[in-house]
Amino acid sequence: SDSRANARDQEAHTTATGEAQDQRADVLMVVHVPADRRTLYVVSIMRDTWVEIPDYGGSKINSALQIGGIHMVTRTVQSLLGIRVDHTLMLDFNGFKGLTDGLGGIDVNVPFPFQSTHDTGHVFSAGVNHLDGQAALEFSRERYAFADGDYQRVQNQRIMLRAILAKLTAGGALNDVNAVRSLAGFAACCLTVDRGFDPVQVAMLAYSLRNLDVNAIGTMTLPTAGPGFVAGQSVLFPDYGGVNAVGAALRDGTIGQYAVP
């Protein structure tokens, strides 16, 4: 979420996203978790994608959060892709920084050098950078430093997710019962989840990924048909042929043909 406040104070397939009032989702990913838990498939949805929001009408998909909270984000993604979303997780900026710092920072493989236009103006060098929570947030939010803007940003967000999962699974950390308890405590404190998904279940999902091969994680961006304008807003139109194909692949478990390591 693009709120600086704790989202909890305001209000399988997992939609990872931020609550109503003046929040919009800064990151929106659909994560497919296969039964063997050996890998993940991550589909990024561009936040300016123009969609039909249930019981509301046309809008950018990132506004679903402001319109109807986490439940509306879930309904919108389900409608767009024709899938059932089993659980939804939401983490705000402060929670993201807290997670990163709680892990002792993370090592991120930065594809090329750039300087953030946010907050501290952090300078990132090409190659592996060890990032604390603030720097990790700036890496994940940046788009103005890139010629292709938000397209590079969603790629960077997936790089960040991979780095966090690598840290969580390194050295068998998730085999440690105390580490799993700590994850449950973090979930209770900082994550907003759907009503059928409590902090212990979040921790157990993490535990089930203890043998995850981070290098095998498949990723992709949901296809778009290009930019345009609606009512003066700059938007991205969905490529509905591609969207429908991805939705079908998520439903039948063949998403690996599109989301590749």
C-alpha atoms as a PDB file:
ATOM      1  CA  SER A   1       0.000   0.000   0.000  1.00  0.00           C
ATOM      2  CA  ASP A   2       1.157   3.565  -0.619  1.00  0.00           C
ATOM      3  CA  SER A   3       0.153   4.673   2.879  1.00  0.00           C
ATOM      4  CA  ARG A   4       2.849   5.511   5.417  1.00  0.00           C
ATOM      5  CA  ALA A   5       0.468   4.544   8.229  1.00  0.00           C
ATOM      6  CA  ASN A   6      -0.053   1.024   9.492  1.00  0.00           C
ATOM      7  CA  ALA A   7      -2.754  -0.454   7.282  1.00  0.00           C
ATOM      8  CA  ARG A   8      -4.082  -2.523  10.165  1.00  0.00           C
ATOM      9  CA  ASP A   9      -5.097   0.630  11.969  1.00  0.00           C
ATOM     10  CA  GLN A  10      -7.397   1.505   9.037  1.00  0.00           C
ATOM     11  CA  GLU A  11      -9.124  -1.583   8.415  1.00  0.00           C
ATOM     12  CA  ALA A  12      -3.142 -21.653  -2.729  1.00  0.00           C
ATOM     13  CA  HIS A  13      -3.602 -18.175  -4.885  1.00  0.00           C
ATOM     14  CA  THR A  14      -2.551 -15.249  -2.865  1.00  0.00           C
ATOM     15  CA  THR A  15      -2.966 -11.620  -3.876  1.00  0.00           C
ATOM     16  CA  ALA A  16      -0.152  -9.700  -2.272  1.00  0.00           C
ATOM     17  CA  THR A  17      -0.849  -5.961  -2.078  1.00  0.00           C
ATOM     18  CA  GLY A  18      -2.255  -2.131   0.867  1.00  0.00           C
ATOM     19  CA  GLU A  19      -7.264  -0.025   2.765  1.00  0.00           C
ATOM     20  CA  ALA A  20      -9.642   2.491   1.969  1.00  0.00           C
ATOM     21  CA  GLN A  21      -9.499   6.206   2.761  1.00  0.00           C
ATOM     22  CA  ASP A  22      -6.684   7.650   0.601  1.00  0.00           C
ATOM     23  CA  GLN A  23      -4.744   4.486  -0.130  1.00  0.00           C
ATOM     24  CA  ARG A  24      -3.972   2.932  -3.474  1.00  0.00           C
ATOM     25  CA  ALA A  25      -2.087  -0.281  -4.030  1.00  0.00           C
ATOM     26  CA  ASP A  26       1.537   0.486  -4.906  1.00  0.00           C
ATOM     27  CA  VAL A  27       2.329  -3.170  -5.612  1.00  0.00           C
ATOM     28  CA  LEU A  28      -0.112  -5.797  -6.841  1.00  0.00           C
ATOM     29  CA  MET A  29       0.984  -9.397  -7.397  1.00  0.00           C
ATOM     30  CA  VAL A  30      -0.872 -12.658  -7.839  1.00  0.00           C
ATOM     31  CA  VAL A  31       1.199 -15.510  -6.399  1.00  0.00           C
ATOM     32  CA  HIS A  32       0.464 -19.111  -7.393  1.00  0.00           C
ATOM     33  CA  VAL A  33       1.771 -21.639  -4.864  1.00  0.00           C
ATOM     34  CA  PRO A  34       1.987 -25.177  -6.335  1.00  0.00           C
ATOM     35  CA  ALA A  35       1.115 -28.133  -4.128  1.00  0.00           C
ATOM     36  CA  ASP A  36       4.735 -29.332  -3.904  1.00  0.00           C
ATOM     37  CA  ARG A  37       5.872 -25.919  -2.555  1.00  0.00           C
ATOM     38  CA  ARG A  38       9.142 -26.189  -4.522  1.00  0.00           C
ATOM     39  CA  THR A  39       8.630 -22.964  -6.433  1.00  0.00           C
ATOM     40  CA  LEU A  40       6.248 -20.019  -6.855  1.00  0.00           C
ATOM     41  CA  TYR A  41       4.777 -18.218  -9.839  1.00  0.00           C
ATOM     42  CA  VAL A  42       4.366 -14.462  -9.544  1.00  0.00           C
ATOM     43  CA  VAL A  43       2.217 -12.329 -11.859  1.00  0.00           C
ATOM     44  CA  SER A  44       2.601  -8.563 -11.484  1.00  0.00           C
ATOM     45  CA  ILE A  45      -0.391  -6.404 -12.386  1.00  0.00           C
ATOM     46  CA  MET A  46       0.506  -2.884 -13.463  1.00  0.00           C
ATOM     47  CA  ARG A  47      -1.144  -0.453 -11.083  1.00  0.00           C
ATOM     48  CA  ASP A  48      -2.499   1.807 -13.869  1.00  0.00           C
ATOM     49  CA  THR A  49      -4.295  -1.066 -15.630  1.00  0.00           C
ATOM     50  CA  TRP A  50      -7.837   0.063 -16.529  1.00  0.00           C
ATOM     51  CA  VAL A  51     -10.364  -2.516 -15.322  1.00  0.00           C
ATOM     52  CA  GLU A  52     -13.976  -2.937 -14.275  1.00  0.00           C
ATOM     53  CA  ILE A  53     -14.203  -2.754 -10.486  1.00  0.00           C
ATOM     54  CA  PRO A  54     -17.224  -4.757  -9.259  1.00  0.00           C
ATOM     55  CA  ASP A  55     -20.237  -2.645  -8.246  1.00  0.00           C
ATOM     56  CA  TYR A  56     -18.334   0.517  -9.205  1.00  0.00           C
ATOM     57  CA  GLY A  57     -17.286   0.676 -12.852  1.00  0.00           C
ATOM     58  CA  GLY A  58     -14.152   1.450 -14.799  1.00  0.00           C
ATOM     59  CA  SER A  59     -11.060   2.633 -12.916  1.00  0.00           C
ATOM     60  CA  LYS A  60      -7.363   1.966 -12.477  1.00  0.00           C
ATOM     61  CA  ILE A  61      -6.894  -1.294 -10.629  1.00  0.00           C
ATOM     62  CA  ASN A  62      -4.859   0.351  -7.876  1.00  0.00           C
ATOM     63  CA  SER A  63      -7.915   2.392  -6.850  1.00  0.00           C
ATOM     64  CA  ALA A  64      -9.837  -0.766  -5.869  1.00  0.00           C
ATOM     65  CA  LEU A  65      -8.196  -0.545  -2.457  1.00  0.00           C
ATOM     66  CA  GLN A  66      -9.476   2.971  -1.868  1.00  0.00           C
ATOM     67  CA  ILE A  67     -12.930   2.122  -3.219  1.00  0.00           C
ATOM     68  CA  GLY A  68     -13.607  -0.974  -1.155  1.00  0.00           C
ATOM     69  CA  GLY A  69     -10.575  -2.080   0.823  1.00  0.00           C
ATOM     70  CA  ILE A  70      -8.738  -5.373   0.636  1.00  0.00           C
ATOM     71  CA  HIS A  71     -11.938  -7.273  -0.184  1.00  0.00           C
ATOM     72  CA  MET A  72     -12.510  -5.141  -3.291  1.00  0.00           C
ATOM     73  CA  VAL A  73      -8.942  -5.736  -4.471  1.00  0.00           C
ATOM     74  CA  THR A  74      -9.592  -9.467  -4.241  1.00  0.00           C
ATOM     75  CA  ARG A  75     -12.911  -9.233  -6.094  1.00  0.00           C
ATOM     76  CA  THR A  76     -11.369  -7.101  -8.843  1.00  0.00           C
ATOM     77  CA  VAL A  77      -8.459  -9.482  -9.422  1.00  0.00           C
ATOM     78  CA  GLN A  78     -10.819 -12.465  -9.450  1.00  0.00           C
ATOM     79  CA  SER A  79     -13.057 -10.753 -11.999  1.00  0.00           C
ATOM     80  CA  LEU A  80     -10.146  -9.698 -14.217  1.00  0.00           C
ATOM     81  CA  LEU A  81      -8.449 -13.107 -14.317  1.00  0.00           C
ATOM     82  CA  GLY A  82     -11.396 -15.428 -13.812  1.00  0.00           C
ATOM     83  CA  ILE A  83      -9.724 -17.143 -10.855  1.00  0.00           C
ATOM     84  CA  ARG A  84     -10.488 -17.776  -7.209  1.00  0.00           C
ATOM     85  CA  VAL A  85      -8.102 -15.952  -4.885  1.00  0.00           C
ATOM     86  CA  ASP A  86      -7.643 -18.102  -1.796  1.00  0.00           C
ATOM     87  CA  HIS A  87      -5.997 -15.517   0.443  1.00  0.00           C
ATOM     88  CA  THR A  88      -4.921 -11.885   0.358  1.00  0.00           C
ATOM     89  CA  LEU A  89      -2.018 -10.263   2.220  1.00  0.00           C
ATOM     90  CA  MET A  90      -1.444  -6.523   2.548  1.00  0.00           C
ATOM     91  CA  LEU A  91       1.700  -4.816   3.824  1.00  0.00           C
ATOM     92  CA  ASP A  92       2.187  -1.047   4.103  1.00  0.00           C
ATOM     93  CA  PHE A  93       5.433   0.913   3.757  1.00  0.00           C
ATOM     94  CA  ASN A  94       6.303   0.794   7.441  1.00  0.00           C
ATOM     95  CA  GLY A  95       5.605  -2.925   7.625  1.00  0.00           C
ATOM     96  CA  PHE A  96       7.785  -3.535   4.581  1.00  0.00           C
ATOM     97  CA  LYS A  97      10.670  -1.608   6.113  1.00  0.00           C
ATOM     98  CA  GLY A  98      10.184  -3.446   9.402  1.00  0.00           C
ATOM     99  CA  LEU A  99      10.240  -6.833   7.665  1.00  0.00           C
ATOM    100  CA  THR A 100      13.444  -5.979   5.804  1.00  0.00           C
ATOM    101  CA  ASP A 101      15.190  -4.615   8.887  1.00  0.00           C
ATOM    102  CA  GLY A 102      13.982  -7.579  10.933  1.00  0.00           C
ATOM    103  CA  LEU A 103      15.763  -9.864   8.482  1.00  0.00           C
ATOM    104  CA  GLY A 104      18.988  -7.921   9.002  1.00  0.00           C
ATOM    105  CA  GLY A 105      18.673  -6.324   5.579  1.00  0.00           C
ATOM    106  CA  ILE A 106      18.590  -8.166   2.275  1.00  0.00           C
ATOM    107  CA  ASP A 107      20.935  -8.666  -0.665  1.00  0.00           C
ATOM    108  CA  VAL A 108      19.390  -7.412  -3.903  1.00  0.00           C
ATOM    109  CA  ASN A 109      20.870  -7.936  -7.353  1.00  0.00           C
ATOM    110  CA  VAL A 110      20.365  -4.505  -8.948  1.00  0.00           C
ATOM    111  CA  PRO A 111      20.261  -4.803 -12.774  1.00  0.00           C
ATOM    112  CA  PHE A 112      21.817  -1.386 -13.494  1.00  0.00           C
ATOM    113  CA  PRO A 113      22.859   1.707 -11.525  1.00  0.00           C
ATOM    114  CA  PHE A 114      20.353   4.427 -10.674  1.00  0.00           C
ATOM    115  CA  GLN A 115      19.507   6.986  -8.015  1.00  0.00           C
ATOM    116  CA  SER A 116      16.174   6.991  -6.233  1.00  0.00           C
ATOM    117  CA  THR A 117      13.944  10.038  -6.613  1.00  0.00           C
ATOM    118  CA  HIS A 118      12.298   9.228  -3.259  1.00  0.00           C
ATOM    119  CA  ASP A 119      13.105  10.202   0.319  1.00  0.00           C
ATOM    120  CA  THR A 120      16.889   9.801   0.853  1.00  0.00           C
ATOM    121  CA  GLY A 121      17.821   9.658  -2.844  1.00  0.00           C
ATOM    122  CA  HIS A 122      19.631   6.363  -2.301  1.00  0.00           C
ATOM    123  CA  VAL A 123      22.225   5.512  -4.964  1.00  0.00           C
ATOM    124  CA  PHE A 124      22.115   1.909  -6.215  1.00  0.00           C
ATOM    125  CA  SER A 125      25.076   0.337  -7.982  1.00  0.00           C
ATOM    126  CA  ALA A 126      24.818  -2.498 -10.494  1.00  0.00           C
ATOM    127  CA  GLY A 127      25.192  -5.916  -8.881  1.00  0.00           C
ATOM    128  CA  VAL A 128      24.495  -7.111  -5.359  1.00  0.00           C
ATOM    129  CA  ASN A 129      23.541  -4.333  -2.912  1.00  0.00           C
ATOM    130  CA  HIS A 130      22.865  -4.963   0.783  1.00  0.00           C
ATOM    131  CA  LEU A 131      19.772  -2.887   1.582  1.00  0.00           C
ATOM    132  CA  ASP A 132      18.117  -1.881   4.827  1.00  0.00           C
ATOM    133  CA  GLY A 133      14.381  -1.263   5.022  1.00  0.00           C
ATOM    134  CA  GLN A 134      14.459   2.335   3.792  1.00  0.00           C
ATOM    135  CA  ALA A 135      16.719   1.585   0.825  1.00  0.00           C
ATOM    136  CA  ALA A 136      14.663  -1.498  -0.045  1.00  0.00           C
ATOM    137  CA  LEU A 137      11.506   0.623  -0.074  1.00  0.00           C
ATOM    138  CA  GLU A 138      13.111   3.206  -2.364  1.00  0.00           C
ATOM    139  CA  PHE A 139      14.272   0.427  -4.706  1.00  0.00           C
ATOM    140  CA  SER A 140      10.765  -1.022  -4.863  1.00  0.00           C
ATOM    141  CA  ARG A 141       8.997   2.311  -5.409  1.00  0.00           C
ATOM    142  CA  GLU A 142      11.240   3.909  -8.027  1.00  0.00           C
ATOM    143  CA  ARG A 143       9.950   4.493 -11.549  1.00  0.00           C
ATOM    144  CA  TYR A 144      11.010   8.002 -12.585  1.00  0.00           C
ATOM    145  CA  ALA A 145      14.662   6.968 -12.931  1.00  0.00           C
ATOM    146  CA  PHE A 146      13.785   4.484 -15.690  1.00  0.00           C
ATOM    147  CA  ALA A 147      13.015   5.044 -19.358  1.00  0.00           C
ATOM    148  CA  ASP A 148      10.261   2.422 -19.168  1.00  0.00           C
ATOM    149  CA  GLY A 149       8.975   3.659 -15.818  1.00  0.00           C
ATOM    150  CA  ASP A 150       6.491   1.352 -14.150  1.00  0.00           C
ATOM    151  CA  TYR A 151       7.460  -1.633 -16.299  1.00  0.00           C
ATOM    152  CA  GLN A 152      10.926  -1.631 -14.733  1.00  0.00           C
ATOM    153  CA  ARG A 153       9.453  -0.939 -11.322  1.00  0.00           C
ATOM    154  CA  VAL A 154       7.355  -4.121 -11.342  1.00  0.00           C
ATOM    155  CA  GLN A 155      10.438  -6.082 -12.401  1.00  0.00           C
ATOM    156  CA  ASN A 156      12.345  -4.573  -9.478  1.00  0.00           C
ATOM    157  CA  GLN A 157       9.505  -5.455  -7.118  1.00  0.00           C
ATOM    158  CA  ARG A 158       9.816  -9.085  -8.173  1.00  0.00           C
ATOM    159  CA  ILE A 159      13.598  -8.923  -7.683  1.00  0.00           C
ATOM    160  CA  MET A 160      12.882  -7.652  -4.170  1.00  0.00           C
ATOM    161  CA  LEU A 161      10.402 -10.455  -3.447  1.00  0.00           C
ATOM    162  CA  ARG A 162      12.940 -13.023  -4.597  1.00  0.00           C
ATOM    163  CA  ALA A 163      15.597 -11.483  -2.321  1.00  0.00           C
ATOM    164  CA  ILE A 164      13.274 -11.553   0.710  1.00  0.00           C
ATOM    165  CA  LEU A 165      12.368 -15.188   0.067  1.00  0.00           C
ATOM    166  CA  ALA A 166      16.050 -16.050  -0.355  1.00  0.00           C
ATOM    167  CA  LYS A 167      16.785 -14.540   3.052  1.00  0.00           C
ATOM    168  CA  LEU A 168      13.839 -16.318   4.675  1.00  0.00           C
ATOM    169  CA  THR A 169      14.849 -19.720   3.306  1.00  0.00           C
ATOM    170  CA  ALA A 170      18.638 -19.367   3.644  1.00  0.00           C
ATOM    171  CA  GLY A 171      20.375 -21.992   5.753  1.00  0.00           C
ATOM    172  CA  GLY A 172      17.162 -23.761   6.664  1.00  0.00           C
ATOM    173  CA  ALA A 173      15.960 -20.783   8.720  1.00  0.00           C
ATOM    174  CA  LEU A 174      12.334 -21.819   8.305  1.00  0.00           C
ATOM    175  CA  ASN A 175      13.080 -25.168   9.952  1.00  0.00           C
ATOM    176  CA  ASP A 176      13.649 -23.246  13.196  1.00  0.00           C
ATOM    177  CA  VAL A 177      10.479 -23.200  15.292  1.00  0.00           C
ATOM    178  CA  ASN A 178      11.504 -19.881  16.851  1.00  0.00           C
ATOM    179  CA  ALA A 179      11.838 -18.322  13.402  1.00  0.00           C
ATOM    180  CA  VAL A 180       8.346 -19.508  12.523  1.00  0.00           C
ATOM    181  CA  ARG A 181       7.003 -18.054  15.775  1.00  0.00           C
ATOM    182  CA  SER A 182       8.691 -14.758  14.934  1.00  0.00           C
ATOM    183  CA  LEU A 183       6.978 -14.782  11.547  1.00  0.00           C
ATOM    184  CA  ALA A 184       3.620 -15.331  13.235  1.00  0.00           C
ATOM    185  CA  GLY A 185       4.345 -12.385  15.523  1.00  0.00           C
ATOM    186  CA  PHE A 186       5.258 -10.201  12.556  1.00  0.00           C
ATOM    187  CA  ALA A 187       2.081 -11.224  10.733  1.00  0.00           C
ATOM    188  CA  ALA A 188      -0.041 -10.365  13.775  1.00  0.00           C
ATOM    189  CA  CYS A 189       1.645  -6.977  14.073  1.00  0.00           C
ATOM    190  CA  CYS A 190       2.156  -5.756  10.552  1.00  0.00           C
ATOM    191  CA  LEU A 191       0.158  -7.723   7.956  1.00  0.00           C
ATOM    192  CA  THR A 192      -3.449  -7.170   7.017  1.00  0.00           C
ATOM    193  CA  VAL A 193      -4.984 -10.430   5.791  1.00  0.00           C
ATOM    194  CA  ASP A 194      -8.376 -11.698   4.716  1.00  0.00           C
ATOM    195  CA  ARG A 195     -10.707 -13.000   7.405  1.00  0.00           C
ATOM    196  CA  GLY A 196      -9.957 -16.635   6.656  1.00  0.00           C
ATOM    197  CA  PHE A 197      -6.204 -16.262   7.068  1.00  0.00           C
ATOM    198  CA  ASP A 198      -4.827 -15.707  10.574  1.00  0.00           C
ATOM    199  CA  PRO A 199      -1.190 -14.997  11.594  1.00  0.00           C
ATOM    200  CA  VAL A 200      -0.492 -18.633  12.493  1.00  0.00           C
ATOM    201  CA  GLN A 201      -1.679 -19.730   9.042  1.00  0.00           C
ATOM    202  CA  VAL A 202       0.588 -17.121   7.447  1.00  0.00           C
ATOM    203  CA  ALA A 203       3.535 -18.523   9.387  1.00  0.00           C
ATOM    204  CA  MET A 204       2.609 -22.084   8.445  1.00  0.00           C
ATOM    205  CA  LEU A 205       2.449 -21.114   4.774  1.00  0.00           C
ATOM    206  CA  ALA A 206       5.950 -19.686   5.126  1.00  0.00           C
ATOM    207  CA  TYR A 207       7.069 -22.896   6.854  1.00  0.00           C
ATOM    208  CA  SER A 208       5.671 -24.969   3.982  1.00  0.00           C
ATOM    209  CA  LEU A 209       8.022 -23.047   1.657  1.00  0.00           C
ATOM    210  CA  ARG A 210      11.150 -24.043   3.599  1.00  0.00           C
ATOM    211  CA  ASN A 211      12.429 -26.114   0.640  1.00  0.00           C
ATOM    212  CA  LEU A 212      11.626 -23.438  -1.938  1.00  0.00           C
ATOM    213  CA  ASP A 213      14.101 -23.133  -4.820  1.00  0.00           C
ATOM    214  CA  VAL A 214      14.343 -19.356  -5.113  1.00  0.00           C
ATOM    215  CA  ASN A 215      16.098 -19.609  -8.476  1.00  0.00           C
ATOM    216  CA  ALA A 216      13.149 -21.540  -9.915  1.00  0.00           C
ATOM    217  CA  ILE A 217      10.549 -18.859  -9.110  1.00  0.00           C
ATOM    218  CA  GLY A 218       8.698 -17.946 -12.299  1.00  0.00           C
ATOM    219  CA  THR A 219       7.675 -14.331 -12.859  1.00  0.00           C
ATOM    220  CA  MET A 220       5.846 -12.230 -15.425  1.00  0.00           C
ATOM    221  CA  THR A 221       3.849  -9.034 -15.916  1.00  0.00           C
ATOM    222  CA  LEU A 222       0.187  -9.353 -16.879  1.00  0.00           C
ATOM    223  CA  PRO A 223      -0.008  -8.374 -20.582  1.00  0.00           C
ATOM    224  CA  THR A 224      -1.146  -4.878 -21.499  1.00  0.00           C
ATOM    225  CA  ALA A 225      -2.237  -3.445 -24.844  1.00  0.00           C
ATOM    226  CA  GLY A 226      -0.487  -0.125 -24.321  1.00  0.00           C
ATOM    227  CA  PRO A 227      -1.154   3.285 -22.784  1.00  0.00           C
ATOM    228  CA  GLY A 228      -4.043   5.643 -23.317  1.00  0.00           C
ATOM    229  CA  PHE A 229      -6.253   8.204 -21.618  1.00  0.00           C
ATOM    230  CA  VAL A 230      -9.635   7.842 -19.941  1.00  0.00           C
ATOM    231  CA  ALA A 231     -11.323  10.957 -18.542  1.00  0.00           C
ATOM    232  CA  GLY A 232      -7.957  12.740 -18.500  1.00  0.00           C
ATOM    233  CA  GLN A 233      -6.184   9.908 -16.671  1.00  0.00           C
ATOM    234  CA  SER A 234      -3.130   8.172 -18.089  1.00  0.00           C
ATOM    235  CA  VAL A 235      -3.945   4.446 -18.037  1.00  0.00           C
ATOM    236  CA  LEU A 236      -2.805   1.084 -19.388  1.00  0.00           C
ATOM    237  CA  PHE A 237      -5.332  -0.994 -21.282  1.00  0.00           C
ATOM    238  CA  PRO A 238      -5.329  -4.745 -20.669  1.00  0.00           C
ATOM    239  CA  ASP A 239      -4.426  -7.130 -23.458  1.00  0.00           C
ATOM    240  CA  TYR A 240      -7.514  -9.233 -22.870  1.00  0.00           C
ATOM    241  CA  GLY A 241      -6.308 -12.086 -25.049  1.00  0.00           C
ATOM    242  CA  GLY A 242      -3.164 -12.334 -22.942  1.00  0.00           C
ATOM    243  CA  VAL A 243      -5.045 -11.740 -19.698  1.00  0.00           C
ATOM    244  CA  ASN A 244      -7.490 -14.550 -20.464  1.00  0.00           C
ATOM    245  CA  ALA A 245      -4.638 -16.917 -21.344  1.00  0.00           C
ATOM    246  CA  VAL A 246      -2.853 -16.145 -18.068  1.00  0.00           C
ATOM    247  CA  GLY A 247      -6.088 -16.596 -16.122  1.00  0.00           C
ATOM    248  CA  ALA A 248      -6.663 -19.987 -17.736  1.00  0.00           C
ATOM    249  CA  ALA A 249      -3.077 -21.025 -16.957  1.00  0.00           C
ATOM    250  CA  LEU A 250      -3.526 -20.027 -13.317  1.00  0.00           C
ATOM    251  CA  ARG A 251      -6.710 -22.066 -13.113  1.00  0.00           C
ATOM    252  CA  ASP A 252      -5.249 -25.233 -14.626  1.00  0.00           C
ATOM    253  CA  GLY A 253      -1.784 -25.013 -13.057  1.00  0.00           C
ATOM    254  CA  THR A 254       0.153 -24.385 -16.280  1.00  0.00           C
ATOM    255  CA  ILE A 255       1.214 -20.823 -15.467  1.00  0.00           C
ATOM    256  CA  GLY A 256       4.843 -21.948 -15.732  1.00  0.00           C
ATOM    257  CA  GLN A 257       4.563 -21.658 -19.520  1.00  0.00           C
ATOM    258  CA  TYR A 258       4.262 -17.878 -19.103  1.00  0.00           C
ATOM    259  CA  ALA A 259       5.921 -17.076 -15.772  1.00  0.00           C
ATOM    260  CA  VAL A 260       9.555 -18.133 -16.156  1.00  0.00           C
ATOM    261  CA  PRO A 261      12.632 -17.833 -13.889  1.00  0.00           C
END
